[in-house]
PDB file of all heavy atoms in Angstrom:
ATOM      1  N   SER A   1    -219.330 101.619  34.962  1.00  0.00           N
ATOM      2  CA  SER A   1    -220.260 102.404  34.157  1.00  0.00           C
ATOM      3  C   SER A   1    -219.546 103.546  33.444  1.00  0.00           C
ATOM      4  O   SER A   1    -219.849 103.865  32.288  1.00  0.00           O
ATOM      5  CB  SER A   1    -221.379 102.962  35.042  1.00  0.00           C
ATOM      6  OG  SER A   1    -220.840 103.787  36.071  1.00  0.00           O
ATOM      7  N   VAL A   2    -218.563 104.152  34.113  1.00  0.00           N
ATOM      8  CA  VAL A   2    -217.794 105.234  33.498  1.00  0.00           C
ATOM      9  C   VAL A   2    -216.856 104.679  32.433  1.00  0.00           C
ATOM     10  O   VAL A   2    -216.617 105.323  31.409  1.00  0.00           O
ATOM     11  CB  VAL A   2    -217.013 106.005  34.575  1.00  0.00           C
ATOM     12  CG1 VAL A   2    -216.237 107.160  33.969  1.00  0.00           C
ATOM     13  CG2 VAL A   2    -217.962 106.519  35.649  1.00  0.00           C
ATOM     14  N   GLN A   3    -216.328 103.467  32.656  1.00  0.00           N
ATOM     15  CA  GLN A   3    -215.488 102.826  31.646  1.00  0.00           C
ATOM     16  C   GLN A   3    -216.223 102.725  30.313  1.00  0.00           C
ATOM     17  O   GLN A   3    -215.670 103.021  29.249  1.00  0.00           O
ATOM     18  CB  GLN A   3    -215.072 101.435  32.108  1.00  0.00           C
ATOM     19  CG  GLN A   3    -214.027 101.407  33.198  1.00  0.00           C
ATOM     20  CD  GLN A   3    -213.605  99.986  33.537  1.00  0.00           C
ATOM     21  OE1 GLN A   3    -213.917  99.041  32.821  1.00  0.00           O
ATOM     22  NE2 GLN A   3    -212.892  99.824  34.639  1.00  0.00           N
ATOM     23  N   ALA A   4    -217.481 102.299  30.367  1.00  0.00           N
ATOM     24  CA  ALA A   4    -218.260 102.146  29.136  1.00  0.00           C
ATOM     25  C   ALA A   4    -218.398 103.470  28.406  1.00  0.00           C
ATOM     26  O   ALA A   4    -218.282 103.527  27.165  1.00  0.00           O
ATOM     27  CB  ALA A   4    -219.637 101.566  29.470  1.00  0.00           C
ATOM     28  N   GLN A   5    -218.602 104.558  29.145  1.00  0.00           N
ATOM     29  CA  GLN A   5    -218.734 105.872  28.512  1.00  0.00           C
ATOM     30  C   GLN A   5    -217.438 106.278  27.813  1.00  0.00           C
ATOM     31  O   GLN A   5    -217.457 106.759  26.677  1.00  0.00           O
ATOM     32  CB  GLN A   5    -219.105 106.912  29.565  1.00  0.00           C
ATOM     33  CG  GLN A   5    -220.459 106.685  30.228  1.00  0.00           C
ATOM     34  CD  GLN A   5    -220.709 107.667  31.361  1.00  0.00           C
ATOM     35  OE1 GLN A   5    -220.010 108.676  31.482  1.00  0.00           O
ATOM     36  NE2 GLN A   5    -221.690 107.371  32.202  1.00  0.00           N
ATOM     37  N   VAL A   6    -216.302 106.078  28.475  1.00  0.00           N
ATOM     38  CA  VAL A   6    -215.017 106.469  27.895  1.00  0.00           C
ATOM     39  C   VAL A   6    -214.686 105.605  26.681  1.00  0.00           C
ATOM     40  O   VAL A   6    -214.208 106.106  25.652  1.00  0.00           O
ATOM     41  CB  VAL A   6    -213.907 106.385  28.955  1.00  0.00           C
ATOM     42  CG1 VAL A   6    -212.539 106.631  28.324  1.00  0.00           C
ATOM     43  CG2 VAL A   6    -214.163 107.385  30.072  1.00  0.00           C
ATOM     44  N   LEU A   7    -214.951 104.306  26.765  1.00  0.00           N
ATOM     45  CA  LEU A   7    -214.671 103.416  25.633  1.00  0.00           C
ATOM     46  C   LEU A   7    -215.560 103.751  24.442  1.00  0.00           C
ATOM     47  O   LEU A   7    -215.099 103.734  23.290  1.00  0.00           O
ATOM     48  CB  LEU A   7    -214.867 101.961  26.053  1.00  0.00           C
ATOM     49  CG  LEU A   7    -213.866 101.427  27.083  1.00  0.00           C
ATOM     50  CD1 LEU A   7    -214.262 100.027  27.527  1.00  0.00           C
ATOM     51  CD2 LEU A   7    -212.457 101.424  26.512  1.00  0.00           C
ATOM     52  N   ASN A   8    -216.817 104.050  24.695  1.00  0.00           N
ATOM     53  CA  ASN A   8    -217.708 104.462  23.602  1.00  0.00           C
ATOM     54  C   ASN A   8    -217.215 105.749  22.965  1.00  0.00           C
ATOM     55  O   ASN A   8    -217.285 105.919  21.731  1.00  0.00           O
ATOM     56  CB  ASN A   8    -219.135 104.630  24.120  1.00  0.00           C
ATOM     57  CG  ASN A   8    -219.792 103.311  24.448  1.00  0.00           C
ATOM     58  OD1 ASN A   8    -219.419 102.262  23.915  1.00  0.00           O
ATOM     59  ND2 ASN A   8    -220.777 103.331  25.339  1.00  0.00           N
ATOM     60  N   LEU A   9    -216.717 106.664  23.776  1.00  0.00           N
ATOM     61  CA  LEU A   9    -216.170 107.908  23.256  1.00  0.00           C
ATOM     62  C   LEU A   9    -214.967 107.627  22.353  1.00  0.00           C
ATOM     63  O   LEU A   9    -214.857 108.194  21.257  1.00  0.00           O
ATOM     64  CB  LEU A   9    -215.758 108.816  24.418  1.00  0.00           C
ATOM     65  CG  LEU A   9    -214.917 110.039  24.045  1.00  0.00           C
ATOM     66  CD1 LEU A   9    -215.715 110.980  23.160  1.00  0.00           C
ATOM     67  CD2 LEU A   9    -214.425 110.757  25.301  1.00  0.00           C
ATOM     68  N   MET A  10    -214.053 106.755  22.795  1.00  0.00           N
ATOM     69  CA  MET A  10    -212.863 106.460  22.008  1.00  0.00           C
ATOM     70  C   MET A  10    -213.230 105.808  20.673  1.00  0.00           C
ATOM     71  O   MET A  10    -212.638 106.116  19.634  1.00  0.00           O
ATOM     72  CB  MET A  10    -211.919 105.561  22.807  1.00  0.00           C
ATOM     73  CG  MET A  10    -211.368 106.223  24.065  1.00  0.00           C
ATOM     74  SD  MET A  10    -210.243 105.173  25.028  1.00  0.00           S
ATOM     75  CE  MET A  10    -208.819 105.120  23.941  1.00  0.00           C
ATOM     76  N   GLN A  11    -214.208 104.911  20.681  1.00  0.00           N
ATOM     77  CA  GLN A  11    -214.650 104.292  19.436  1.00  0.00           C
ATOM     78  C   GLN A  11    -215.310 105.307  18.518  1.00  0.00           C
ATOM     79  O   GLN A  11    -215.106 105.285  17.299  1.00  0.00           O
ATOM     80  CB  GLN A  11    -215.608 103.141  19.744  1.00  0.00           C
ATOM     81  CG  GLN A  11    -214.932 101.932  20.368  1.00  0.00           C
ATOM     82  CD  GLN A  11    -215.901 100.792  20.593  1.00  0.00           C
ATOM     83  OE1 GLN A  11    -216.870 100.922  21.347  1.00  0.00           O
ATOM     84  NE2 GLN A  11    -215.664  99.681  19.940  1.00  0.00           N
ATOM     85  N   ASP A  12    -216.086 106.209  19.089  1.00  0.00           N
ATOM     86  CA  ASP A  12    -216.736 107.250  18.283  1.00  0.00           C
ATOM     87  C   ASP A  12    -215.700 108.167  17.655  1.00  0.00           C
ATOM     88  O   ASP A  12    -215.822 108.547  16.480  1.00  0.00           O
ATOM     89  CB  ASP A  12    -217.703 108.040  19.164  1.00  0.00           C
ATOM     90  CG  ASP A  12    -218.411 109.136  18.391  1.00  0.00           C
ATOM     91  OD1 ASP A  12    -219.096 108.809  17.401  1.00  0.00           O
ATOM     92  OD2 ASP A  12    -218.285 110.323  18.765  1.00  0.00           O
ATOM     93  N   LEU A  13    -214.659 108.525  18.401  1.00  0.00           N
ATOM     94  CA  LEU A  13    -213.607 109.371  17.854  1.00  0.00           C
ATOM     95  C   LEU A  13    -212.858 108.657  16.729  1.00  0.00           C
ATOM     96  O   LEU A  13    -212.461 109.292  15.740  1.00  0.00           O
ATOM     97  CB  LEU A  13    -212.636 109.767  18.971  1.00  0.00           C
ATOM     98  CG  LEU A  13    -213.182 110.712  20.044  1.00  0.00           C
ATOM     99  CD1 LEU A  13    -212.184 110.857  21.177  1.00  0.00           C
ATOM    100  CD2 LEU A  13    -213.520 112.070  19.451  1.00  0.00           C
ATOM    101  N   GLN A  14    -212.676 107.365  16.870  1.00  0.00           N
ATOM    102  CA  GLN A  14    -212.013 106.612  15.801  1.00  0.00           C
ATOM    103  C   GLN A  14    -212.865 106.596  14.541  1.00  0.00           C
ATOM    104  O   GLN A  14    -212.357 106.755  13.425  1.00  0.00           O
ATOM    105  CB  GLN A  14    -211.728 105.185  16.266  1.00  0.00           C
ATOM    106  CG  GLN A  14    -210.918 104.375  15.267  1.00  0.00           C
ATOM    107  CD  GLN A  14    -210.539 103.011  15.794  1.00  0.00           C
ATOM    108  OE1 GLN A  14    -211.381 102.277  16.295  1.00  0.00           O
ATOM    109  NE2 GLN A  14    -209.266 102.661  15.697  1.00  0.00           N
ATOM    110  N   ASP A  15    -214.180 106.411  14.703  1.00  0.00           N
ATOM    111  CA  ASP A  15    -215.068 106.403  13.541  1.00  0.00           C
ATOM    112  C   ASP A  15    -215.109 107.761  12.854  1.00  0.00           C
ATOM    113  O   ASP A  15    -215.143 107.840  11.618  1.00  0.00           O
ATOM    114  CB  ASP A  15    -216.483 105.990  13.970  1.00  0.00           C
ATOM    115  CG  ASP A  15    -216.559 104.560  14.465  1.00  0.00           C
ATOM    116  OD1 ASP A  15    -215.668 103.770  14.095  1.00  0.00           O
ATOM    117  OD2 ASP A  15    -217.486 104.233  15.221  1.00  0.00           O
ATOM    118  N   ARG A  16    -215.107 108.844  13.634  1.00  0.00           N
ATOM    119  CA  ARG A  16    -215.250 110.182  13.064  1.00  0.00           C
ATOM    120  C   ARG A  16    -213.930 110.763  12.560  1.00  0.00           C
ATOM    121  O   ARG A  16    -213.891 111.445  11.542  1.00  0.00           O
ATOM    122  CB  ARG A  16    -215.859 111.139  14.099  1.00  0.00           C
ATOM    123  CG  ARG A  16    -217.330 110.893  14.369  1.00  0.00           C
ATOM    124  CD  ARG A  16    -217.957 112.046  15.135  1.00  0.00           C
ATOM    125  NE  ARG A  16    -217.534 112.061  16.541  1.00  0.00           N
ATOM    126  CZ  ARG A  16    -216.890 113.062  17.095  1.00  0.00           C
ATOM    127  NH1 ARG A  16    -216.559 114.130  16.393  1.00  0.00           N
ATOM    128  NH2 ARG A  16    -216.557 113.011  18.386  1.00  0.00           N
ATOM    129  N   LEU A  17    -212.832 110.488  13.287  1.00  0.00           N
ATOM    130  CA  LEU A  17    -211.564 111.142  12.990  1.00  0.00           C
ATOM    131  C   LEU A  17    -210.511 110.198  12.416  1.00  0.00           C
ATOM    132  O   LEU A  17    -209.448 110.652  12.005  1.00  0.00           O
ATOM    133  CB  LEU A  17    -211.011 111.799  14.263  1.00  0.00           C
ATOM    134  CG  LEU A  17    -211.951 112.783  14.981  1.00  0.00           C
ATOM    135  CD1 LEU A  17    -211.297 113.299  16.255  1.00  0.00           C
ATOM    136  CD2 LEU A  17    -212.325 113.931  14.069  1.00  0.00           C
ATOM    137  N   GLY A  18    -210.783 108.890  12.426  1.00  0.00           N
ATOM    138  CA  GLY A  18    -209.809 107.939  11.906  1.00  0.00           C
ATOM    139  C   GLY A  18    -208.590 107.754  12.781  1.00  0.00           C
ATOM    140  O   GLY A  18    -207.502 107.415  12.288  1.00  0.00           O
ATOM    141  N   VAL A  19    -208.749 107.952  14.091  1.00  0.00           N
ATOM    142  CA  VAL A  19    -207.616 107.820  15.018  1.00  0.00           C
ATOM    143  C   VAL A  19    -207.195 106.354  15.115  1.00  0.00           C
ATOM    144  O   VAL A  19    -208.030 105.446  15.109  1.00  0.00           O
ATOM    145  CB  VAL A  19    -207.992 108.353  16.414  1.00  0.00           C
ATOM    146  CG1 VAL A  19    -206.823 108.219  17.381  1.00  0.00           C
ATOM    147  CG2 VAL A  19    -208.440 109.804  16.321  1.00  0.00           C
ATOM    148  N   THR A  20    -205.889 106.128  15.195  1.00  0.00           N
ATOM    149  CA  THR A  20    -205.327 104.795  15.395  1.00  0.00           C
ATOM    150  C   THR A  20    -204.966 104.639  16.871  1.00  0.00           C
ATOM    151  O   THR A  20    -204.391 105.548  17.469  1.00  0.00           O
ATOM    152  CB  THR A  20    -204.068 104.613  14.533  1.00  0.00           C
ATOM    153  OG1 THR A  20    -204.398 104.877  13.170  1.00  0.00           O
ATOM    154  CG2 THR A  20    -203.517 103.203  14.658  1.00  0.00           C
ATOM    155  N   TYR A  21    -205.294 103.471  17.452  1.00  0.00           N
ATOM    156  CA  TYR A  21    -205.041 103.250  18.882  1.00  0.00           C
ATOM    157  C   TYR A  21    -204.066 102.099  19.094  1.00  0.00           C
ATOM    158  O   TYR A  21    -204.193 101.041  18.476  1.00  0.00           O
ATOM    159  CB  TYR A  21    -206.336 102.899  19.622  1.00  0.00           C
ATOM    160  CG  TYR A  21    -207.330 104.026  19.755  1.00  0.00           C
ATOM    161  CD1 TYR A  21    -208.617 103.906  19.244  1.00  0.00           C
ATOM    162  CD2 TYR A  21    -207.001 105.209  20.406  1.00  0.00           C
ATOM    163  CE1 TYR A  21    -209.539 104.926  19.367  1.00  0.00           C
ATOM    164  CE2 TYR A  21    -207.913 106.241  20.528  1.00  0.00           C
ATOM    165  CZ  TYR A  21    -209.179 106.098  20.014  1.00  0.00           C
ATOM    166  OH  TYR A  21    -210.093 107.111  20.133  1.00  0.00           O
ATOM    167  N   LEU A  22    -203.096 102.334  19.976  1.00  0.00           N
ATOM    168  CA  LEU A  22    -202.333 101.250  20.596  1.00  0.00           C
ATOM    169  C   LEU A  22    -202.873 101.164  22.008  1.00  0.00           C
ATOM    170  O   LEU A  22    -202.585 102.022  22.846  1.00  0.00           O
ATOM    171  CB  LEU A  22    -200.836 101.538  20.589  1.00  0.00           C
ATOM    172  CG  LEU A  22    -199.943 100.468  21.229  1.00  0.00           C
ATOM    173  CD1 LEU A  22    -200.055  99.152  20.467  1.00  0.00           C
ATOM    174  CD2 LEU A  22    -198.487 100.926  21.293  1.00  0.00           C
ATOM    175  N   PHE A  23    -203.680 100.145  22.282  1.00  0.00           N
ATOM    176  CA  PHE A  23    -204.480 100.088  23.504  1.00  0.00           C
ATOM    177  C   PHE A  23    -203.882  99.051  24.435  1.00  0.00           C
ATOM    178  O   PHE A  23    -203.884  97.855  24.139  1.00  0.00           O
ATOM    179  CB  PHE A  23    -205.919  99.713  23.148  1.00  0.00           C
ATOM    180  CG  PHE A  23    -206.921 100.053  24.199  1.00  0.00           C
ATOM    181  CD1 PHE A  23    -207.657 101.225  24.135  1.00  0.00           C
ATOM    182  CD2 PHE A  23    -207.136  99.202  25.267  1.00  0.00           C
ATOM    183  CE1 PHE A  23    -208.587 101.541  25.116  1.00  0.00           C
ATOM    184  CE2 PHE A  23    -208.058  99.501  26.249  1.00  0.00           C
ATOM    185  CZ  PHE A  23    -208.788 100.678  26.169  1.00  0.00           C
ATOM    186  N   ILE A  24    -203.352  99.525  25.565  1.00  0.00           N
ATOM    187  CA  ILE A  24    -202.692  98.649  26.525  1.00  0.00           C
ATOM    188  C   ILE A  24    -203.624  98.425  27.700  1.00  0.00           C
ATOM    189  O   ILE A  24    -204.124  99.380  28.297  1.00  0.00           O
ATOM    190  CB  ILE A  24    -201.366  99.276  26.993  1.00  0.00           C
ATOM    191  CG1 ILE A  24    -200.405  99.371  25.806  1.00  0.00           C
ATOM    192  CG2 ILE A  24    -200.742  98.473  28.120  1.00  0.00           C
ATOM    193  CD1 ILE A  24    -199.154 100.159  26.092  1.00  0.00           C
ATOM    194  N   SER A  25    -203.867  97.166  28.025  1.00  0.00           N
ATOM    195  CA  SER A  25    -204.815  96.866  29.094  1.00  0.00           C
ATOM    196  C   SER A  25    -204.582  95.461  29.623  1.00  0.00           C
ATOM    197  O   SER A  25    -204.016  94.605  28.935  1.00  0.00           O
ATOM    198  CB  SER A  25    -206.252  96.994  28.575  1.00  0.00           C
ATOM    199  OG  SER A  25    -207.193  96.687  29.579  1.00  0.00           O
ATOM    200  N   HIS A  26    -205.024  95.243  30.874  1.00  0.00           N
ATOM    201  CA  HIS A  26    -205.055  93.890  31.421  1.00  0.00           C
ATOM    202  C   HIS A  26    -206.483  93.345  31.414  1.00  0.00           C
ATOM    203  O   HIS A  26    -206.700  92.184  31.755  1.00  0.00           O
ATOM    204  CB  HIS A  26    -204.527  93.887  32.852  1.00  0.00           C
ATOM    205  CG  HIS A  26    -205.409  94.620  33.815  1.00  0.00           C
ATOM    206  ND1 HIS A  26    -205.327  95.979  34.000  1.00  0.00           N
ATOM    207  CD2 HIS A  26    -206.417  94.201  34.615  1.00  0.00           C
ATOM    208  CE1 HIS A  26    -206.239  96.358  34.876  1.00  0.00           C
ATOM    209  NE2 HIS A  26    -206.908  95.295  35.268  1.00  0.00           N
ATOM    210  N   ASP A  27    -207.438  94.175  31.017  1.00  0.00           N
ATOM    211  CA  ASP A  27    -208.851  93.790  30.999  1.00  0.00           C
ATOM    212  C   ASP A  27    -209.194  93.221  29.620  1.00  0.00           C
ATOM    213  O   ASP A  27    -209.272  93.956  28.631  1.00  0.00           O
ATOM    214  CB  ASP A  27    -209.722  95.007  31.316  1.00  0.00           C
ATOM    215  CG  ASP A  27    -211.172  94.625  31.581  1.00  0.00           C
ATOM    216  OD1 ASP A  27    -211.664  93.659  30.960  1.00  0.00           O
ATOM    217  OD2 ASP A  27    -211.822  95.304  32.394  1.00  0.00           O
ATOM    218  N   LEU A  28    -209.385  91.926  29.541  1.00  0.00           N
ATOM    219  CA  LEU A  28    -209.614  91.278  28.258  1.00  0.00           C
ATOM    220  C   LEU A  28    -210.936  91.691  27.631  1.00  0.00           C
ATOM    221  O   LEU A  28    -211.057  91.768  26.414  1.00  0.00           O
ATOM    222  CB  LEU A  28    -209.563  89.754  28.440  1.00  0.00           C
ATOM    223  CG  LEU A  28    -208.246  89.220  29.007  1.00  0.00           C
ATOM    224  CD1 LEU A  28    -208.325  87.722  29.203  1.00  0.00           C
ATOM    225  CD2 LEU A  28    -207.084  89.568  28.099  1.00  0.00           C
ATOM    226  N   ALA A  29    -211.951  91.953  28.448  1.00  0.00           N
ATOM    227  CA  ALA A  29    -213.242  92.371  27.903  1.00  0.00           C
ATOM    228  C   ALA A  29    -213.124  93.719  27.204  1.00  0.00           C
ATOM    229  O   ALA A  29    -213.735  93.945  26.151  1.00  0.00           O
ATOM    230  CB  ALA A  29    -214.277  92.434  29.023  1.00  0.00           C
ATOM    231  N   VAL A  30    -212.324  94.615  27.769  1.00  0.00           N
ATOM    232  CA  VAL A  30    -212.114  95.923  27.160  1.00  0.00           C
ATOM    233  C   VAL A  30    -211.395  95.785  25.825  1.00  0.00           C
ATOM    234  O   VAL A  30    -211.761  96.400  24.824  1.00  0.00           O
ATOM    235  CB  VAL A  30    -211.316  96.829  28.124  1.00  0.00           C
ATOM    236  CG1 VAL A  30    -210.843  98.092  27.418  1.00  0.00           C
ATOM    237  CG2 VAL A  30    -212.168  97.190  29.331  1.00  0.00           C
ATOM    238  N   VAL A  31    -210.366  94.970  25.787  1.00  0.00           N
ATOM    239  CA  VAL A  31    -209.607  94.755  24.552  1.00  0.00           C
ATOM    240  C   VAL A  31    -210.495  94.122  23.477  1.00  0.00           C
ATOM    241  O   VAL A  31    -210.442  94.498  22.309  1.00  0.00           O
ATOM    242  CB  VAL A  31    -208.374  93.876  24.837  1.00  0.00           C
ATOM    243  CG1 VAL A  31    -207.687  93.476  23.547  1.00  0.00           C
ATOM    244  CG2 VAL A  31    -207.401  94.627  25.741  1.00  0.00           C
ATOM    245  N   ASP A  32    -211.330  93.180  23.875  1.00  0.00           N
ATOM    246  CA  ASP A  32    -212.237  92.527  22.937  1.00  0.00           C
ATOM    247  C   ASP A  32    -213.197  93.528  22.321  1.00  0.00           C
ATOM    248  O   ASP A  32    -213.557  93.440  21.148  1.00  0.00           O
ATOM    249  CB  ASP A  32    -213.016  91.424  23.673  1.00  0.00           C
ATOM    250  CG  ASP A  32    -213.798  90.530  22.724  1.00  0.00           C
ATOM    251  OD1 ASP A  32    -213.507  90.545  21.511  1.00  0.00           O
ATOM    252  OD2 ASP A  32    -214.708  89.836  23.191  1.00  0.00           O
ATOM    253  N   LEU A  33    -213.603  94.522  23.095  1.00  0.00           N
ATOM    254  CA  LEU A  33    -214.554  95.515  22.618  1.00  0.00           C
ATOM    255  C   LEU A  33    -213.923  96.520  21.671  1.00  0.00           C
ATOM    256  O   LEU A  33    -214.533  96.919  20.681  1.00  0.00           O
ATOM    257  CB  LEU A  33    -215.170  96.246  23.816  1.00  0.00           C
ATOM    258  CG  LEU A  33    -216.144  97.394  23.522  1.00  0.00           C
ATOM    259  CD1 LEU A  33    -217.411  96.858  22.868  1.00  0.00           C
ATOM    260  CD2 LEU A  33    -216.480  98.159  24.788  1.00  0.00           C
ATOM    261  N   VAL A  34    -212.676  96.922  21.949  1.00  0.00           N
ATOM    262  CA  VAL A  34    -212.077  98.065  21.269  1.00  0.00           C
ATOM    263  C   VAL A  34    -211.182  97.679  20.101  1.00  0.00           C
ATOM    264  O   VAL A  34    -211.125  98.400  19.094  1.00  0.00           O
ATOM    265  CB  VAL A  34    -211.283  98.916  22.289  1.00  0.00           C
ATOM    266  CG1 VAL A  34    -210.532 100.042  21.600  1.00  0.00           C
ATOM    267  CG2 VAL A  34    -212.218  99.468  23.360  1.00  0.00           C
ATOM    268  N   CYS A  35    -210.486  96.549  20.175  1.00  0.00           N
ATOM    269  CA  CYS A  35    -209.339  96.290  19.299  1.00  0.00           C
ATOM    270  C   CYS A  35    -209.671  95.370  18.128  1.00  0.00           C
ATOM    271  O   CYS A  35    -210.497  94.475  18.226  1.00  0.00           O
ATOM    272  CB  CYS A  35    -208.185  95.708  20.110  1.00  0.00           C
ATOM    273  SG  CYS A  35    -207.637  96.808  21.424  1.00  0.00           S
ATOM    274  N   ASP A  36    -208.938  95.599  17.023  1.00  0.00           N
ATOM    275  CA  ASP A  36    -209.040  94.753  15.836  1.00  0.00           C
ATOM    276  C   ASP A  36    -208.081  93.570  15.910  1.00  0.00           C
ATOM    277  O   ASP A  36    -208.321  92.529  15.307  1.00  0.00           O
ATOM    278  CB  ASP A  36    -208.723  95.568  14.569  1.00  0.00           C
ATOM    279  CG  ASP A  36    -209.595  96.798  14.447  1.00  0.00           C
ATOM    280  OD1 ASP A  36    -210.830  96.657  14.519  1.00  0.00           O
ATOM    281  OD2 ASP A  36    -209.048  97.902  14.282  1.00  0.00           O
ATOM    282  N   GLU A  37    -206.968  93.759  16.614  1.00  0.00           N
ATOM    283  CA  GLU A  37    -205.951  92.718  16.750  1.00  0.00           C
ATOM    284  C   GLU A  37    -205.350  92.815  18.140  1.00  0.00           C
ATOM    285  O   GLU A  37    -205.347  93.886  18.752  1.00  0.00           O
ATOM    286  CB  GLU A  37    -204.868  92.873  15.677  1.00  0.00           C
ATOM    287  CG  GLU A  37    -203.919  91.690  15.574  1.00  0.00           C
ATOM    288  CD  GLU A  37    -202.975  91.801  14.385  1.00  0.00           C
ATOM    289  OE1 GLU A  37    -202.994  92.848  13.717  1.00  0.00           O
ATOM    290  OE2 GLU A  37    -202.220  90.847  14.133  1.00  0.00           O
ATOM    291  N   VAL A  38    -204.813  91.697  18.633  1.00  0.00           N
ATOM    292  CA  VAL A  38    -204.285  91.642  19.998  1.00  0.00           C
ATOM    293  C   VAL A  38    -202.936  90.927  19.980  1.00  0.00           C
ATOM    294  O   VAL A  38    -202.753  89.936  19.269  1.00  0.00           O
ATOM    295  CB  VAL A  38    -205.249  90.895  20.943  1.00  0.00           C
ATOM    296  CG1 VAL A  38    -204.702  90.886  22.367  1.00  0.00           C
ATOM    297  CG2 VAL A  38    -206.636  91.521  20.917  1.00  0.00           C
ATOM    298  N   ILE A  39    -201.992  91.457  20.762  1.00  0.00           N
ATOM    299  CA  ILE A  39    -200.769  90.716  21.042  1.00  0.00           C
ATOM    300  C   ILE A  39    -200.712  90.459  22.547  1.00  0.00           C
ATOM    301  O   ILE A  39    -201.129  91.302  23.343  1.00  0.00           O
ATOM    302  CB  ILE A  39    -199.497  91.442  20.560  1.00  0.00           C
ATOM    303  CG1 ILE A  39    -199.323  92.789  21.266  1.00  0.00           C
ATOM    304  CG2 ILE A  39    -199.496  91.613  19.068  1.00  0.00           C
ATOM    305  CD1 ILE A  39    -197.993  93.468  20.928  1.00  0.00           C
ATOM    306  N   VAL A  40    -200.217  89.289  22.909  1.00  0.00           N
ATOM    307  CA  VAL A  40    -200.115  88.883  24.314  1.00  0.00           C
ATOM    308  C   VAL A  40    -198.643  88.888  24.698  1.00  0.00           C
ATOM    309  O   VAL A  40    -197.823  88.222  24.054  1.00  0.00           O
ATOM    310  CB  VAL A  40    -200.720  87.483  24.539  1.00  0.00           C
ATOM    311  CG1 VAL A  40    -200.641  87.102  26.010  1.00  0.00           C
ATOM    312  CG2 VAL A  40    -202.158  87.442  24.050  1.00  0.00           C
ATOM    313  N   LEU A  41    -198.302  89.661  25.741  1.00  0.00           N
ATOM    314  CA  LEU A  41    -196.927  89.751  26.220  1.00  0.00           C
ATOM    315  C   LEU A  41    -196.751  88.908  27.472  1.00  0.00           C
ATOM    316  O   LEU A  41    -197.608  88.910  28.359  1.00  0.00           O
ATOM    317  CB  LEU A  41    -196.558  91.197  26.548  1.00  0.00           C
ATOM    318  CG  LEU A  41    -196.276  92.176  25.407  1.00  0.00           C
ATOM    319  CD1 LEU A  41    -195.828  93.515  25.980  1.00  0.00           C
ATOM    320  CD2 LEU A  41    -195.217  91.645  24.464  1.00  0.00           C
ATOM    321  N   TYR A  42    -195.628  88.203  27.530  1.00  0.00           N
ATOM    322  CA  TYR A  42    -195.232  87.508  28.757  1.00  0.00           C
ATOM    323  C   TYR A  42    -193.737  87.675  28.935  1.00  0.00           C
ATOM    324  O   TYR A  42    -192.946  87.285  28.070  1.00  0.00           O
ATOM    325  CB  TYR A  42    -195.589  86.022  28.693  1.00  0.00           C
ATOM    326  CG  TYR A  42    -195.240  85.285  29.979  1.00  0.00           C
ATOM    327  CD1 TYR A  42    -195.982  85.492  31.132  1.00  0.00           C
ATOM    328  CD2 TYR A  42    -194.155  84.418  30.038  1.00  0.00           C
ATOM    329  CE1 TYR A  42    -195.661  84.843  32.316  1.00  0.00           C
ATOM    330  CE2 TYR A  42    -193.829  83.761  31.216  1.00  0.00           C
ATOM    331  CZ  TYR A  42    -194.580  83.978  32.351  1.00  0.00           C
ATOM    332  OH  TYR A  42    -194.252  83.346  33.531  1.00  0.00           O
TER     333      TYR A  42
END
């Protein structure tokens, strides 16, 4: 539940301030929600 609040905050800051994110995560649902493009590392 707290994850959703923080992710919504980050998206809101991007909309208002134009911040660019390099978002590193192992949670695919989070990446799907936040990111415009994805790279997969192995």
